[in-house]
Amino acid sequence: MRALRTARLDLSELTAADMVVVLEHRPNIATPALAAALRRRVGYVGALGSRRTQAARRRALDAEGLTYVELSRLHGPTGLDLGARTPAETAVSIVAEVLAVRSGRSAVALRDTDGRIGP
């Protein structure tokens, strides 16, 4: 996993095996990063923020010309509803969703599933 911490975004090397999670709320930074990741078909694209922020973000991405299919790949607000209260717990909820999406699994308690546990 590579961390991009620069205002100049070069997502050209990212693939379906990579993930992008945008923590930035400023549209002038978040929108181009999300648009680039969604267009590159990065494996997981998520964005932190409230439901209101997500709605505004989707409008901005729509205005950038992203298709319905591209927009449908955005996980925002990112993460699973685990009751996270701290930044560390929020990170766990995001990683949990990434793993579920990557493996094509639903995020259901193991006790409520049948069959083989694992990949």
PDB file of N, CA and C in Angstrom:
ATOM      1  N   MET A   1       0.850  -1.170   0.000  1.00  0.00           N
ATOM      2  CA  MET A   1       0.000   0.000   0.000  1.00  0.00           C
ATOM      3  C   MET A   1       0.898   1.236   0.000  1.00  0.00           C
ATOM      4  N   ARG A   2       0.635   2.134  -0.926  1.00  0.00           N
ATOM      5  CA  ARG A   2       1.418   3.360  -1.034  1.00  0.00           C
ATOM      6  C   ARG A   2       0.601   4.525  -0.512  1.00  0.00           C
ATOM      7  N   ALA A   3       1.249   5.422   0.173  1.00  0.00           N
ATOM      8  CA  ALA A   3       0.572   6.616   0.678  1.00  0.00           C
ATOM      9  C   ALA A   3       0.928   7.797  -0.217  1.00  0.00           C
ATOM     10  N   LEU A   4      -0.087   8.499  -0.680  1.00  0.00           N
ATOM     11  CA  LEU A   4       0.125   9.704  -1.481  1.00  0.00           C
ATOM     12  C   LEU A   4      -0.142  10.897  -0.590  1.00  0.00           C
ATOM     13  N   ARG A   5       0.891  11.676  -0.320  1.00  0.00           N
ATOM     14  CA  ARG A   5       0.743  12.820   0.572  1.00  0.00           C
ATOM     15  C   ARG A   5       1.186  14.098  -0.099  1.00  0.00           C
ATOM     16  N   THR A   6       0.816  14.275  -1.331  1.00  0.00           N
ATOM     17  CA  THR A   6       1.238  15.449  -2.060  1.00  0.00           C
ATOM     18  C   THR A   6       0.049  16.077  -2.759  1.00  0.00           C
ATOM     19  N   ALA A   7       0.139  17.374  -2.985  1.00  0.00           N
ATOM     20  CA  ALA A   7      -0.935  18.066  -3.686  1.00  0.00           C
ATOM     21  C   ALA A   7      -0.951  17.658  -5.162  1.00  0.00           C
ATOM     22  N   ARG A   8       0.218  17.299  -5.710  1.00  0.00           N
ATOM     23  CA  ARG A   8       0.279  16.799  -7.085  1.00  0.00           C
ATOM     24  C   ARG A   8      -0.069  15.321  -7.056  1.00  0.00           C
ATOM     25  N   LEU A   9      -1.174  14.981  -7.652  1.00  0.00           N
ATOM     26  CA  LEU A   9      -1.652  13.607  -7.589  1.00  0.00           C
ATOM     27  C   LEU A   9      -1.243  12.843  -8.836  1.00  0.00           C
ATOM     28  N   ASP A  10      -0.500  11.773  -8.655  1.00  0.00           N
ATOM     29  CA  ASP A  10      -0.155  10.893  -9.748  1.00  0.00           C
ATOM     30  C   ASP A  10      -0.670   9.512  -9.393  1.00  0.00           C
ATOM     31  N   LEU A  11      -1.854   9.223  -9.886  1.00  0.00           N
ATOM     32  CA  LEU A  11      -2.470   7.940  -9.603  1.00  0.00           C
ATOM     33  C   LEU A  11      -2.280   6.979 -10.770  1.00  0.00           C
ATOM     34  N   SER A  12      -1.441   7.344 -11.721  1.00  0.00           N
ATOM     35  CA  SER A  12      -1.309   6.561 -12.942  1.00  0.00           C
ATOM     36  C   SER A  12      -0.787   5.153 -12.715  1.00  0.00           C
ATOM     37  N   GLU A  13      -0.082   4.904 -11.628  1.00  0.00           N
ATOM     38  CA  GLU A  13       0.464   3.575 -11.373  1.00  0.00           C
ATOM     39  C   GLU A  13      -0.469   2.696 -10.542  1.00  0.00           C
ATOM     40  N   LEU A  14      -1.564   3.253 -10.061  1.00  0.00           N
ATOM     41  CA  LEU A  14      -2.479   2.461  -9.231  1.00  0.00           C
ATOM     42  C   LEU A  14      -3.299   1.514 -10.093  1.00  0.00           C
ATOM     43  N   THR A  15      -3.619   0.363  -9.524  1.00  0.00           N
ATOM     44  CA  THR A  15      -4.351  -0.673 -10.253  1.00  0.00           C
ATOM     45  C   THR A  15      -5.551  -1.140  -9.439  1.00  0.00           C
ATOM     46  N   ALA A  16      -6.213  -2.150  -9.943  1.00  0.00           N
ATOM     47  CA  ALA A  16      -7.355  -2.729  -9.237  1.00  0.00           C
ATOM     48  C   ALA A  16      -6.941  -3.369  -7.916  1.00  0.00           C
ATOM     49  N   ALA A  17      -5.655  -3.606  -7.727  1.00  0.00           N
ATOM     50  CA  ALA A  17      -5.165  -4.187  -6.477  1.00  0.00           C
ATOM     51  C   ALA A  17      -4.927  -3.128  -5.399  1.00  0.00           C
ATOM     52  N   ASP A  18      -5.035  -1.864  -5.757  1.00  0.00           N
ATOM     53  CA  ASP A  18      -4.772  -0.770  -4.813  1.00  0.00           C
ATOM     54  C   ASP A  18      -6.058  -0.208  -4.239  1.00  0.00           C
ATOM     55  N   MET A  19      -5.896   0.630  -3.218  1.00  0.00           N
ATOM     56  CA  MET A  19      -7.036   1.310  -2.609  1.00  0.00           C
ATOM     57  C   MET A  19      -6.691   2.776  -2.417  1.00  0.00           C
ATOM     58  N   VAL A  20      -7.701   3.603  -2.501  1.00  0.00           N
ATOM     59  CA  VAL A  20      -7.554   5.039  -2.239  1.00  0.00           C
ATOM     60  C   VAL A  20      -8.650   5.408  -1.255  1.00  0.00           C
ATOM     61  N   VAL A  21      -8.253   6.015  -0.148  1.00  0.00           N
ATOM     62  CA  VAL A  21      -9.211   6.553   0.810  1.00  0.00           C
ATOM     63  C   VAL A  21      -8.859   8.015   1.009  1.00  0.00           C
ATOM     64  N   VAL A  22      -9.780   8.890   0.662  1.00  0.00           N
ATOM     65  CA  VAL A  22      -9.559  10.326   0.766  1.00  0.00           C
ATOM     66  C   VAL A  22     -10.087  10.804   2.116  1.00  0.00           C
ATOM     67  N   LEU A  23      -9.185  11.383   2.887  1.00  0.00           N
ATOM     68  CA  LEU A  23      -9.548  11.918   4.199  1.00  0.00           C
ATOM     69  C   LEU A  23      -9.769  13.427   4.136  1.00  0.00           C
ATOM     70  N   GLU A  24      -9.359  14.032   3.054  1.00  0.00           N
ATOM     71  CA  GLU A  24      -9.425  15.480   2.850  1.00  0.00           C
ATOM     72  C   GLU A  24     -10.863  15.903   2.561  1.00  0.00           C
ATOM     73  N   HIS A  25     -11.278  17.015   3.163  1.00  0.00           N
ATOM     74  CA  HIS A  25     -12.638  17.518   2.950  1.00  0.00           C
ATOM     75  C   HIS A  25     -12.697  18.652   1.935  1.00  0.00           C
ATOM     76  N   ARG A  26     -11.572  19.309   1.660  1.00  0.00           N
ATOM     77  CA  ARG A  26     -11.593  20.429   0.717  1.00  0.00           C
ATOM     78  C   ARG A  26     -11.835  19.920  -0.699  1.00  0.00           C
ATOM     79  N   PRO A  27     -12.916  20.400  -1.340  1.00  0.00           N
ATOM     80  CA  PRO A  27     -13.265  19.905  -2.671  1.00  0.00           C
ATOM     81  C   PRO A  27     -12.166  20.087  -3.714  1.00  0.00           C
ATOM     82  N   ASN A  28     -11.393  21.163  -3.619  1.00  0.00           N
ATOM     83  CA  ASN A  28     -10.357  21.396  -4.629  1.00  0.00           C
ATOM     84  C   ASN A  28      -9.246  20.350  -4.578  1.00  0.00           C
ATOM     85  N   ILE A  29      -9.163  19.608  -3.482  1.00  0.00           N
ATOM     86  CA  ILE A  29      -8.180  18.531  -3.365  1.00  0.00           C
ATOM     87  C   ILE A  29      -8.878  17.173  -3.494  1.00  0.00           C
ATOM     88  N   ALA A  30      -9.986  17.004  -2.801  1.00  0.00           N
ATOM     89  CA  ALA A  30     -10.671  15.704  -2.766  1.00  0.00           C
ATOM     90  C   ALA A  30     -11.274  15.323  -4.113  1.00  0.00           C
ATOM     91  N   THR A  31     -11.925  16.255  -4.790  1.00  0.00           N
ATOM     92  CA  THR A  31     -12.621  15.928  -6.039  1.00  0.00           C
ATOM     93  C   THR A  31     -11.671  15.400  -7.116  1.00  0.00           C
ATOM     94  N   PRO A  32     -10.548  16.082  -7.402  1.00  0.00           N
ATOM     95  CA  PRO A  32      -9.642  15.537  -8.428  1.00  0.00           C
ATOM     96  C   PRO A  32      -9.056  14.175  -8.047  1.00  0.00           C
ATOM     97  N   ALA A  33      -8.743  13.984  -6.775  1.00  0.00           N
ATOM     98  CA  ALA A  33      -8.178  12.707  -6.333  1.00  0.00           C
ATOM     99  C   ALA A  33      -9.197  11.582  -6.520  1.00  0.00           C
ATOM    100  N   LEU A  34     -10.429  11.822  -6.104  1.00  0.00           N
ATOM    101  CA  LEU A  34     -11.466  10.806  -6.244  1.00  0.00           C
ATOM    102  C   LEU A  34     -11.781  10.533  -7.714  1.00  0.00           C
ATOM    103  N   ALA A  35     -11.876  11.590  -8.508  1.00  0.00           N
ATOM    104  CA  ALA A  35     -12.168  11.419  -9.932  1.00  0.00           C
ATOM    105  C   ALA A  35     -11.087  10.577 -10.607  1.00  0.00           C
ATOM    106  N   ALA A  36      -9.842  10.871 -10.314  1.00  0.00           N
ATOM    107  CA  ALA A  36      -8.735  10.118 -10.923  1.00  0.00           C
ATOM    108  C   ALA A  36      -8.774   8.650 -10.497  1.00  0.00           C
ATOM    109  N   ALA A  37      -9.004   8.398  -9.224  1.00  0.00           N
ATOM    110  CA  ALA A  37      -9.032   7.019  -8.723  1.00  0.00           C
ATOM    111  C   ALA A  37     -10.206   6.244  -9.321  1.00  0.00           C
ATOM    112  N   LEU A  38     -11.365   6.880  -9.417  1.00  0.00           N
ATOM    113  CA  LEU A  38     -12.539   6.207  -9.968  1.00  0.00           C
ATOM    114  C   LEU A  38     -12.360   5.932 -11.460  1.00  0.00           C
ATOM    115  N   ARG A  39     -11.760   6.854 -12.177  1.00  0.00           N
ATOM    116  CA  ARG A  39     -11.525   6.652 -13.609  1.00  0.00           C
ATOM    117  C   ARG A  39     -10.478   5.570 -13.858  1.00  0.00           C
ATOM    118  N   ARG A  40      -9.515   5.427 -12.963  1.00  0.00           N
ATOM    119  CA  ARG A  40      -8.459   4.410 -13.106  1.00  0.00           C
ATOM    120  C   ARG A  40      -8.940   3.033 -12.687  1.00  0.00           C
ATOM    121  N   ARG A  41     -10.112   2.939 -12.171  1.00  0.00           N
ATOM    122  CA  ARG A  41     -10.671   1.672 -11.691  1.00  0.00           C
ATOM    123  C   ARG A  41      -9.818   1.059 -10.582  1.00  0.00           C
ATOM    124  N   VAL A  42      -9.387   1.932  -9.672  1.00  0.00           N
ATOM    125  CA  VAL A  42      -8.685   1.469  -8.476  1.00  0.00           C
ATOM    126  C   VAL A  42      -9.619   0.524  -7.735  1.00  0.00           C
ATOM    127  N   GLY A  43      -9.066  -0.514  -7.098  1.00  0.00           N
ATOM    128  CA  GLY A  43      -9.861  -1.562  -6.471  1.00  0.00           C
ATOM    129  C   GLY A  43     -10.858  -1.096  -5.436  1.00  0.00           C
ATOM    130  N   TYR A  44     -10.487  -0.116  -4.645  1.00  0.00           N
ATOM    131  CA  TYR A  44     -11.388   0.423  -3.626  1.00  0.00           C
ATOM    132  C   TYR A  44     -11.168   1.919  -3.569  1.00  0.00           C
ATOM    133  N   VAL A  45     -12.252   2.678  -3.642  1.00  0.00           N
ATOM    134  CA  VAL A  45     -12.177   4.134  -3.536  1.00  0.00           C
ATOM    135  C   VAL A  45     -13.175   4.564  -2.474  1.00  0.00           C
ATOM    136  N   GLY A  46     -12.668   5.183  -1.413  1.00  0.00           N
ATOM    137  CA  GLY A  46     -13.519   5.634  -0.327  1.00  0.00           C
ATOM    138  C   GLY A  46     -13.206   7.064   0.052  1.00  0.00           C
ATOM    139  N   ALA A  47     -14.128   7.675   0.751  1.00  0.00           N
ATOM    140  CA  ALA A  47     -13.945   9.056   1.198  1.00  0.00           C
ATOM    141  C   ALA A  47     -14.607   9.244   2.557  1.00  0.00           C
ATOM    142  N   LEU A  48     -13.860   9.836   3.460  1.00  0.00           N
ATOM    143  CA  LEU A  48     -14.355  10.149   4.791  1.00  0.00           C
ATOM    144  C   LEU A  48     -15.248  11.381   4.711  1.00  0.00           C
ATOM    145  N   GLY A  49     -16.240  11.464   5.562  1.00  0.00           N
ATOM    146  CA  GLY A  49     -17.080  12.658   5.599  1.00  0.00           C
ATOM    147  C   GLY A  49     -18.528  12.315   5.886  1.00  0.00           C
ATOM    148  N   SER A  50     -19.262  13.345   6.239  1.00  0.00           N
ATOM    149  CA  SER A  50     -20.677  13.190   6.574  1.00  0.00           C
ATOM    150  C   SER A  50     -21.492  12.850   5.327  1.00  0.00           C
ATOM    151  N   ARG A  51     -22.725  12.476   5.536  1.00  0.00           N
ATOM    152  CA  ARG A  51     -23.616  12.189   4.402  1.00  0.00           C
ATOM    153  C   ARG A  51     -23.838  13.448   3.567  1.00  0.00           C
ATOM    154  N   ARG A  52     -23.908  14.596   4.213  1.00  0.00           N
ATOM    155  CA  ARG A  52     -24.067  15.857   3.477  1.00  0.00           C
ATOM    156  C   ARG A  52     -22.830  16.145   2.630  1.00  0.00           C
ATOM    157  N   THR A  53     -21.655  15.905   3.197  1.00  0.00           N
ATOM    158  CA  THR A  53     -20.409  16.082   2.447  1.00  0.00           C
ATOM    159  C   THR A  53     -20.369  15.119   1.265  1.00  0.00           C
ATOM    160  N   GLN A  54     -20.815  13.879   1.486  1.00  0.00           N
ATOM    161  CA  GLN A  54     -20.813  12.887   0.412  1.00  0.00           C
ATOM    162  C   GLN A  54     -21.745  13.292  -0.725  1.00  0.00           C
ATOM    163  N   ALA A  55     -22.901  13.839  -0.398  1.00  0.00           N
ATOM    164  CA  ALA A  55     -23.840  14.277  -1.435  1.00  0.00           C
ATOM    165  C   ALA A  55     -23.226  15.399  -2.265  1.00  0.00           C
ATOM    166  N   ALA A  56     -22.597  16.357  -1.618  1.00  0.00           N
ATOM    167  CA  ALA A  56     -21.932  17.450  -2.336  1.00  0.00           C
ATOM    168  C   ALA A  56     -20.779  16.917  -3.180  1.00  0.00           C
ATOM    169  N   ARG A  57     -20.063  15.964  -2.639  1.00  0.00           N
ATOM    170  CA  ARG A  57     -18.931  15.354  -3.342  1.00  0.00           C
ATOM    171  C   ARG A  57     -19.424  14.646  -4.604  1.00  0.00           C
ATOM    172  N   ARG A  58     -20.522  13.915  -4.495  1.00  0.00           N
ATOM    173  CA  ARG A  58     -21.061  13.205  -5.661  1.00  0.00           C
ATOM    174  C   ARG A  58     -21.544  14.191  -6.727  1.00  0.00           C
ATOM    175  N   ARG A  59     -22.126  15.305  -6.301  1.00  0.00           N
ATOM    176  CA  ARG A  59     -22.538  16.327  -7.279  1.00  0.00           C
ATOM    177  C   ARG A  59     -21.322  16.883  -8.003  1.00  0.00           C
ATOM    178  N   ALA A  60     -20.244  17.131  -7.266  1.00  0.00           N
ATOM    179  CA  ALA A  60     -19.014  17.663  -7.875  1.00  0.00           C
ATOM    180  C   ALA A  60     -18.405  16.650  -8.842  1.00  0.00           C
ATOM    181  N   LEU A  61     -18.428  15.380  -8.476  1.00  0.00           N
ATOM    182  CA  LEU A  61     -17.883  14.342  -9.357  1.00  0.00           C
ATOM    183  C   LEU A  61     -18.759  14.170 -10.595  1.00  0.00           C
ATOM    184  N   ASP A  62     -20.062  14.291 -10.425  1.00  0.00           N
ATOM    185  CA  ASP A  62     -20.980  14.235 -11.565  1.00  0.00           C
ATOM    186  C   ASP A  62     -20.677  15.387 -12.521  1.00  0.00           C
ATOM    187  N   ALA A  63     -20.433  16.567 -11.968  1.00  0.00           N
ATOM    188  CA  ALA A  63     -20.103  17.738 -12.787  1.00  0.00           C
ATOM    189  C   ALA A  63     -18.770  17.553 -13.518  1.00  0.00           C
ATOM    190  N   GLU A  64     -17.892  16.704 -12.974  1.00  0.00           N
ATOM    191  CA  GLU A  64     -16.608  16.398 -13.618  1.00  0.00           C
ATOM    192  C   GLU A  64     -16.778  15.392 -14.750  1.00  0.00           C
ATOM    193  N   GLY A  65     -18.013  14.883 -14.918  1.00  0.00           N
ATOM    194  CA  GLY A  65     -18.293  13.983 -16.026  1.00  0.00           C
ATOM    195  C   GLY A  65     -18.144  12.507 -15.721  1.00  0.00           C
ATOM    196  N   LEU A  66     -18.063  12.142 -14.446  1.00  0.00           N
ATOM    197  CA  LEU A  66     -17.983  10.724 -14.118  1.00  0.00           C
ATOM    198  C   LEU A  66     -19.306  10.051 -14.438  1.00  0.00           C
ATOM    199  N   THR A  67     -19.229   8.806 -14.859  1.00  0.00           N
ATOM    200  CA  THR A  67     -20.432   8.061 -15.218  1.00  0.00           C
ATOM    201  C   THR A  67     -21.117   7.530 -13.957  1.00  0.00           C
ATOM    202  N   TYR A  68     -22.341   7.053 -14.139  1.00  0.00           N
ATOM    203  CA  TYR A  68     -23.077   6.448 -13.033  1.00  0.00           C
ATOM    204  C   TYR A  68     -22.309   5.253 -12.477  1.00  0.00           C
ATOM    205  N   VAL A  69     -21.754   4.443 -13.351  1.00  0.00           N
ATOM    206  CA  VAL A  69     -21.002   3.256 -12.921  1.00  0.00           C
ATOM    207  C   VAL A  69     -19.775   3.667 -12.119  1.00  0.00           C
ATOM    208  N   GLU A  70     -19.055   4.675 -12.580  1.00  0.00           N
ATOM    209  CA  GLU A  70     -17.878   5.149 -11.837  1.00  0.00           C
ATOM    210  C   GLU A  70     -18.289   5.676 -10.465  1.00  0.00           C
ATOM    211  N   LEU A  71     -19.337   6.478 -10.419  1.00  0.00           N
ATOM    212  CA  LEU A  71     -19.803   7.036  -9.145  1.00  0.00           C
ATOM    213  C   LEU A  71     -20.295   5.953  -8.191  1.00  0.00           C
ATOM    214  N   SER A  72     -20.865   4.895  -8.730  1.00  0.00           N
ATOM    215  CA  SER A  72     -21.388   3.830  -7.870  1.00  0.00           C
ATOM    216  C   SER A  72     -20.270   3.076  -7.149  1.00  0.00           C
ATOM    217  N   ARG A  73     -19.038   3.210  -7.611  1.00  0.00           N
ATOM    218  CA  ARG A  73     -17.898   2.540  -6.978  1.00  0.00           C
ATOM    219  C   ARG A  73     -17.357   3.305  -5.776  1.00  0.00           C
ATOM    220  N   LEU A  74     -17.826   4.528  -5.571  1.00  0.00           N
ATOM    221  CA  LEU A  74     -17.342   5.349  -4.451  1.00  0.00           C
ATOM    222  C   LEU A  74     -17.981   4.891  -3.144  1.00  0.00           C
ATOM    223  N   HIS A  75     -17.145   4.568  -2.181  1.00  0.00           N
ATOM    224  CA  HIS A  75     -17.615   4.196  -0.841  1.00  0.00           C
ATOM    225  C   HIS A  75     -17.521   5.440   0.038  1.00  0.00           C
ATOM    226  N   GLY A  76     -18.646   6.076   0.210  1.00  0.00           N
ATOM    227  CA  GLY A  76     -18.645   7.281   1.012  1.00  0.00           C
ATOM    228  C   GLY A  76     -19.999   7.467   1.669  1.00  0.00           C
ATOM    229  N   PRO A  77     -20.071   7.607   2.951  1.00  0.00           N
ATOM    230  CA  PRO A  77     -18.934   7.595   3.869  1.00  0.00           C
ATOM    231  C   PRO A  77     -18.271   6.215   3.918  1.00  0.00           C
ATOM    232  N   THR A  78     -16.967   6.224   3.954  1.00  0.00           N
ATOM    233  CA  THR A  78     -16.194   4.990   3.937  1.00  0.00           C
ATOM    234  C   THR A  78     -16.230   4.293   5.293  1.00  0.00           C
ATOM    235  N   GLY A  79     -16.144   2.972   5.258  1.00  0.00           N
ATOM    236  CA  GLY A  79     -16.096   2.192   6.492  1.00  0.00           C
ATOM    237  C   GLY A  79     -17.384   1.459   6.781  1.00  0.00           C
ATOM    238  N   LEU A  80     -17.279   0.495   7.687  1.00  0.00           N
ATOM    239  CA  LEU A  80     -18.444  -0.259   8.149  1.00  0.00           C
ATOM    240  C   LEU A  80     -18.957   0.337   9.454  1.00  0.00           C
ATOM    241  N   ASP A  81     -20.219   0.144   9.711  1.00  0.00           N
ATOM    242  CA  ASP A  81     -20.825   0.660  10.936  1.00  0.00           C
ATOM    243  C   ASP A  81     -20.466  -0.264  12.095  1.00  0.00           C
ATOM    244  N   LEU A  82     -19.309  -0.008  12.701  1.00  0.00           N
ATOM    245  CA  LEU A  82     -18.831  -0.802  13.835  1.00  0.00           C
ATOM    246  C   LEU A  82     -18.979  -0.048  15.157  1.00  0.00           C
ATOM    247  N   GLY A  83     -19.547   1.144  15.094  1.00  0.00           N
ATOM    248  CA  GLY A  83     -19.665   1.956  16.294  1.00  0.00           C
ATOM    249  C   GLY A  83     -18.372   2.661  16.653  1.00  0.00           C
ATOM    250  N   ALA A  84     -17.555   2.945  15.654  1.00  0.00           N
ATOM    251  CA  ALA A  84     -16.255   3.579  15.891  1.00  0.00           C
ATOM    252  C   ALA A  84     -16.418   4.936  16.567  1.00  0.00           C
ATOM    253  N   ARG A  85     -15.565   5.180  17.566  1.00  0.00           N
ATOM    254  CA  ARG A  85     -15.597   6.454  18.292  1.00  0.00           C
ATOM    255  C   ARG A  85     -14.275   7.184  18.271  1.00  0.00           C
ATOM    256  N   THR A  86     -13.199   6.486  17.962  1.00  0.00           N
ATOM    257  CA  THR A  86     -11.874   7.095  17.948  1.00  0.00           C
ATOM    258  C   THR A  86     -11.298   7.001  16.536  1.00  0.00           C
ATOM    259  N   PRO A  87     -10.262   7.786  16.236  1.00  0.00           N
ATOM    260  CA  PRO A  87      -9.625   7.666  14.925  1.00  0.00           C
ATOM    261  C   PRO A  87      -9.126   6.241  14.638  1.00  0.00           C
ATOM    262  N   ALA A  88      -8.584   5.572  15.641  1.00  0.00           N
ATOM    263  CA  ALA A  88      -8.098   4.205  15.439  1.00  0.00           C
ATOM    264  C   ALA A  88      -9.256   3.261  15.102  1.00  0.00           C
ATOM    265  N   GLU A  89     -10.370   3.421  15.784  1.00  0.00           N
ATOM    266  CA  GLU A  89     -11.529   2.578  15.506  1.00  0.00           C
ATOM    267  C   GLU A  89     -12.110   2.889  14.126  1.00  0.00           C
ATOM    268  N   THR A  90     -12.070   4.155  13.721  1.00  0.00           N
ATOM    269  CA  THR A  90     -12.512   4.530  12.378  1.00  0.00           C
ATOM    270  C   THR A  90     -11.629   3.866  11.335  1.00  0.00           C
ATOM    271  N   ALA A  91     -10.326   3.844  11.580  1.00  0.00           N
ATOM    272  CA  ALA A  91      -9.402   3.179  10.661  1.00  0.00           C
ATOM    273  C   ALA A  91      -9.730   1.695  10.540  1.00  0.00           C
ATOM    274  N   VAL A  92     -10.039   1.052  11.655  1.00  0.00           N
ATOM    275  CA  VAL A  92     -10.407  -0.373  11.624  1.00  0.00           C
ATOM    276  C   VAL A  92     -11.671  -0.558  10.787  1.00  0.00           C
ATOM    277  N   SER A  93     -12.653   0.324  10.935  1.00  0.00           N
ATOM    278  CA  SER A  93     -13.897   0.181  10.178  1.00  0.00           C
ATOM    279  C   SER A  93     -13.649   0.350   8.677  1.00  0.00           C
ATOM    280  N   ILE A  94     -12.711   1.227   8.315  1.00  0.00           N
ATOM    281  CA  ILE A  94     -12.380   1.430   6.902  1.00  0.00           C
ATOM    282  C   ILE A  94     -11.668   0.192   6.353  1.00  0.00           C
ATOM    283  N   VAL A  95     -10.686  -0.310   7.084  1.00  0.00           N
ATOM    284  CA  VAL A  95      -9.963  -1.506   6.635  1.00  0.00           C
ATOM    285  C   VAL A  95     -10.911  -2.698   6.537  1.00  0.00           C
ATOM    286  N   ALA A  96     -11.841  -2.808   7.459  1.00  0.00           N
ATOM    287  CA  ALA A  96     -12.814  -3.902   7.409  1.00  0.00           C
ATOM    288  C   ALA A  96     -13.641  -3.836   6.125  1.00  0.00           C
ATOM    289  N   GLU A  97     -14.063  -2.637   5.747  1.00  0.00           N
ATOM    290  CA  GLU A  97     -14.836  -2.513   4.511  1.00  0.00           C
ATOM    291  C   GLU A  97     -13.970  -2.825   3.303  1.00  0.00           C
ATOM    292  N   VAL A  98     -12.738  -2.351   3.292  1.00  0.00           N
ATOM    293  CA  VAL A  98     -11.823  -2.639   2.183  1.00  0.00           C
ATOM    294  C   VAL A  98     -11.670  -4.150   2.009  1.00  0.00           C
ATOM    295  N   LEU A  99     -11.452  -4.866   3.105  1.00  0.00           N
ATOM    296  CA  LEU A  99     -11.295  -6.317   3.033  1.00  0.00           C
ATOM    297  C   LEU A  99     -12.555  -6.996   2.510  1.00  0.00           C
ATOM    298  N   ALA A 100     -13.711  -6.555   2.982  1.00  0.00           N
ATOM    299  CA  ALA A 100     -14.974  -7.140   2.529  1.00  0.00           C
ATOM    300  C   ALA A 100     -15.174  -6.911   1.031  1.00  0.00           C
ATOM    301  N   VAL A 101     -14.907  -5.691   0.570  1.00  0.00           N
ATOM    302  CA  VAL A 101     -15.071  -5.375  -0.852  1.00  0.00           C
ATOM    303  C   VAL A 101     -14.069  -6.173  -1.681  1.00  0.00           C
ATOM    304  N   ARG A 102     -12.818  -6.195  -1.251  1.00  0.00           N
ATOM    305  CA  ARG A 102     -11.769  -6.885  -1.999  1.00  0.00           C
ATOM    306  C   ARG A 102     -12.075  -8.377  -2.146  1.00  0.00           C
ATOM    307  N   SER A 103     -12.630  -8.968  -1.109  1.00  0.00           N
ATOM    308  CA  SER A 103     -12.900 -10.409  -1.146  1.00  0.00           C
ATOM    309  C   SER A 103     -14.283 -10.740  -1.702  1.00  0.00           C
ATOM    310  N   GLY A 104     -15.086  -9.709  -1.954  1.00  0.00           N
ATOM    311  CA  GLY A 104     -16.430  -9.945  -2.464  1.00  0.00           C
ATOM    312  C   GLY A 104     -17.360 -10.539  -1.421  1.00  0.00           C
ATOM    313  N   ARG A 105     -17.050 -10.287  -0.169  1.00  0.00           N
ATOM    314  CA  ARG A 105     -17.842 -10.833   0.931  1.00  0.00           C
ATOM    315  C   ARG A 105     -18.728  -9.749   1.535  1.00  0.00           C
ATOM    316  N   SER A 106     -19.814 -10.182   2.155  1.00  0.00           N
ATOM    317  CA  SER A 106     -20.640  -9.239   2.898  1.00  0.00           C
ATOM    318  C   SER A 106     -20.052  -9.114   4.296  1.00  0.00           C
ATOM    319  N   ALA A 107     -20.294  -8.032   4.926  1.00  0.00           N
ATOM    320  CA  ALA A 107     -19.761  -7.808   6.271  1.00  0.00           C
ATOM    321  C   ALA A 107     -20.785  -8.304   7.289  1.00  0.00           C
ATOM    322  N   VAL A 108     -20.823  -9.603   7.442  1.00  0.00           N
ATOM    323  CA  VAL A 108     -21.770 -10.251   8.343  1.00  0.00           C
ATOM    324  C   VAL A 108     -20.973 -11.009   9.393  1.00  0.00           C
ATOM    325  N   ALA A 109     -21.483 -11.045  10.622  1.00  0.00           N
ATOM    326  CA  ALA A 109     -20.818 -11.809  11.679  1.00  0.00           C
ATOM    327  C   ALA A 109     -20.676 -13.261  11.247  1.00  0.00           C
ATOM    328  N   LEU A 110     -19.524 -13.855  11.514  1.00  0.00           N
ATOM    329  CA  LEU A 110     -19.280 -15.241  11.129  1.00  0.00           C
ATOM    330  C   LEU A 110     -20.316 -16.192  11.719  1.00  0.00           C
ATOM    331  N   ARG A 111     -20.790 -15.903  12.900  1.00  0.00           N
ATOM    332  CA  ARG A 111     -21.784 -16.792  13.514  1.00  0.00           C
ATOM    333  C   ARG A 111     -23.077 -16.831  12.716  1.00  0.00           C
ATOM    334  N   ASP A 112     -23.306 -15.808  11.891  1.00  0.00           N
ATOM    335  CA  ASP A 112     -24.531 -15.742  11.101  1.00  0.00           C
ATOM    336  C   ASP A 112     -24.337 -16.236   9.672  1.00  0.00           C
ATOM    337  N   THR A 113     -23.211 -16.896   9.406  1.00  0.00           N
ATOM    338  CA  THR A 113     -22.947 -17.406   8.065  1.00  0.00           C
ATOM    339  C   THR A 113     -22.788 -18.918   8.099  1.00  0.00           C
ATOM    340  N   ASP A 114     -22.881 -19.515   6.940  1.00  0.00           N
ATOM    341  CA  ASP A 114     -22.648 -20.957   6.784  1.00  0.00           C
ATOM    342  C   ASP A 114     -21.452 -21.136   5.861  1.00  0.00           C
ATOM    343  N   GLY A 115     -20.914 -22.319   5.849  1.00  0.00           N
ATOM    344  CA  GLY A 115     -19.857 -22.620   4.903  1.00  0.00           C
ATOM    345  C   GLY A 115     -18.473 -22.330   5.450  1.00  0.00           C
ATOM    346  N   ARG A 116     -17.547 -22.381   4.524  1.00  0.00           N
ATOM    347  CA  ARG A 116     -16.131 -22.241   4.838  1.00  0.00           C
ATOM    348  C   ARG A 116     -15.802 -20.835   5.337  1.00  0.00           C
ATOM    349  N   ILE A 117     -14.929 -20.765   6.324  1.00  0.00           N
ATOM    350  CA  ILE A 117     -14.444 -19.473   6.821  1.00  0.00           C
ATOM    351  C   ILE A 117     -13.121 -19.203   6.119  1.00  0.00           C
ATOM    352  N   GLY A 118     -13.011 -18.046   5.531  1.00  0.00           N
ATOM    353  CA  GLY A 118     -11.773 -17.684   4.844  1.00  0.00           C
ATOM    354  C   GLY A 118     -11.982 -17.575   3.356  1.00  0.00           C
ATOM    355  N   PRO A 119     -10.888 -17.401   2.630  1.00  0.00           N
ATOM    356  CA  PRO A 119     -10.979 -17.174   1.172  1.00  0.00           C
ATOM    357  C   PRO A 119     -11.503 -18.355   0.405  1.00  0.00           C
TER     358      PRO A 119
END
